[in-house]
Amino acid sequence: MATELMNPCGLYPRLDRPLAQRRPLSEIRTVGLFGNMKQNADKFLDNVERLMGARHKNLEFVRFTKNSSVPANFTHEFLNRCHAVVAAFAD
């Protein structure tokens, strides 16, 4: 007997797009740190901020958090301010 699995998150439309080209680190001023509120995601982002901040003193860091069970709803401020984003998805 086959078992049918259901994705509890539902179906979301996806548009296939190429990855954005990486900008040189010298052009990056603000790094967005994006977490999904799962255990240890914030610890990962804290370490990223500490390590990158120690190496690159000119960087500013902005945090954005979302509930892990819903799609992200980024604010215009976050999207317009960040030149790069580090995402943490942890358990």
Protein backbone atom coordinates (compact mmCIF):
# COMPACT_ATOMS: atom_id res chain seq x y z
CA MET A 1 0.00 0.00 0.00
CA ALA A 2 1.44 3.38 -1.05
CA THR A 3 1.61 6.26 1.42
CA GLU A 4 0.59 9.68 0.16
CA LEU A 5 2.44 12.62 1.72
CA MET A 6 1.07 16.13 1.95
CA ASN A 7 3.16 19.29 2.23
CA PRO A 8 1.72 21.17 5.27
CA CYS A 9 2.98 24.47 3.86
CA GLY A 10 0.78 24.24 0.79
CA LEU A 11 1.72 25.05 -2.78
CA TYR A 12 3.35 28.31 -3.73
CA PRO A 13 3.92 29.50 -7.29
CA ARG A 14 7.59 29.65 -8.24
CA LEU A 15 9.16 31.54 -11.07
CA ASP A 16 12.48 30.13 -12.18
CA ARG A 17 14.99 32.94 -12.42
CA PRO A 18 18.76 32.94 -12.62
CA LEU A 19 20.71 33.75 -9.48
CA ALA A 20 21.75 37.37 -9.12
CA GLN A 21 25.39 38.08 -9.83
CA ARG A 22 27.51 38.52 -6.73
CA ARG A 23 28.68 42.04 -6.09
CA PRO A 24 32.28 42.62 -5.06
CA LEU A 25 32.56 42.90 -1.28
CA SER A 26 33.98 46.39 -1.71
CA GLU A 27 30.56 47.51 -3.08
CA ILE A 28 28.55 46.02 -0.21
CA ARG A 29 27.66 48.38 2.61
CA THR A 30 24.60 46.75 4.20
CA VAL A 31 24.11 43.03 4.80
CA GLY A 32 20.64 41.73 5.60
CA LEU A 33 20.52 38.91 8.13
CA PHE A 34 17.37 36.88 7.52
CA GLY A 35 16.19 34.30 10.04
CA ASN A 36 13.16 32.05 10.24
CA MET A 37 12.81 31.94 14.05
CA LYS A 38 13.90 28.31 14.30
CA GLN A 39 16.20 27.18 17.06
CA ASN A 40 19.82 28.34 16.56
CA ALA A 41 19.12 30.42 13.43
CA ASP A 42 19.75 33.57 15.47
CA LYS A 43 23.01 32.11 16.83
CA PHE A 44 24.20 31.42 13.28
CA LEU A 45 23.38 34.98 12.21
CA ASP A 46 25.06 36.40 15.34
CA ASN A 47 28.25 34.56 14.36
CA VAL A 48 28.03 35.71 10.74
CA GLU A 49 27.64 39.30 11.91
CA ARG A 50 30.53 39.00 14.38
CA LEU A 51 32.93 37.39 11.87
CA MET A 52 32.06 39.61 8.90
CA GLY A 53 31.97 42.73 11.06
CA ALA A 54 35.44 41.98 12.44
CA ARG A 55 36.89 41.55 8.94
CA HIS A 56 35.00 44.37 7.23
CA LYS A 57 34.52 47.33 9.55
CA ASN A 58 32.49 49.30 6.99
CA LEU A 59 29.58 46.82 6.95
CA GLU A 60 26.21 47.58 8.50
CA PHE A 61 23.88 44.71 9.43
CA VAL A 62 20.07 44.73 9.32
CA ARG A 63 17.91 41.91 10.74
CA PHE A 64 14.68 40.52 9.32
CA THR A 65 12.79 37.65 10.91
CA LYS A 66 9.79 35.68 9.74
CA ASN A 67 7.78 32.80 11.12
CA SER A 68 9.07 29.54 9.66
CA SER A 69 5.63 28.41 8.52
CA VAL A 70 4.73 31.37 6.30
CA PRO A 71 6.32 32.94 3.21
CA ALA A 72 8.56 35.94 3.81
CA ASN A 73 7.01 39.36 3.43
CA PHE A 74 10.07 41.60 3.14
CA THR A 75 9.60 45.28 3.78
CA HIS A 76 10.63 47.79 1.13
CA GLU A 77 13.13 49.23 3.60
CA PHE A 78 14.85 45.85 3.96
CA LEU A 79 14.92 45.20 0.21
CA ASN A 80 16.12 48.70 -0.71
CA ARG A 81 18.70 48.93 2.05
CA CYS A 82 20.47 45.58 1.73
CA HIS A 83 23.20 44.92 -0.82
CA ALA A 84 23.56 41.27 0.24
CA VAL A 85 21.56 38.85 2.40
CA VAL A 86 22.57 35.91 4.58
CA ALA A 87 19.68 33.54 5.31
CA ALA A 88 19.54 31.13 8.24
CA PHE A 89 17.19 28.16 8.22
CA ALA A 90 17.97 26.08 11.28
CA ASP A 91 16.48 23.44 13.54
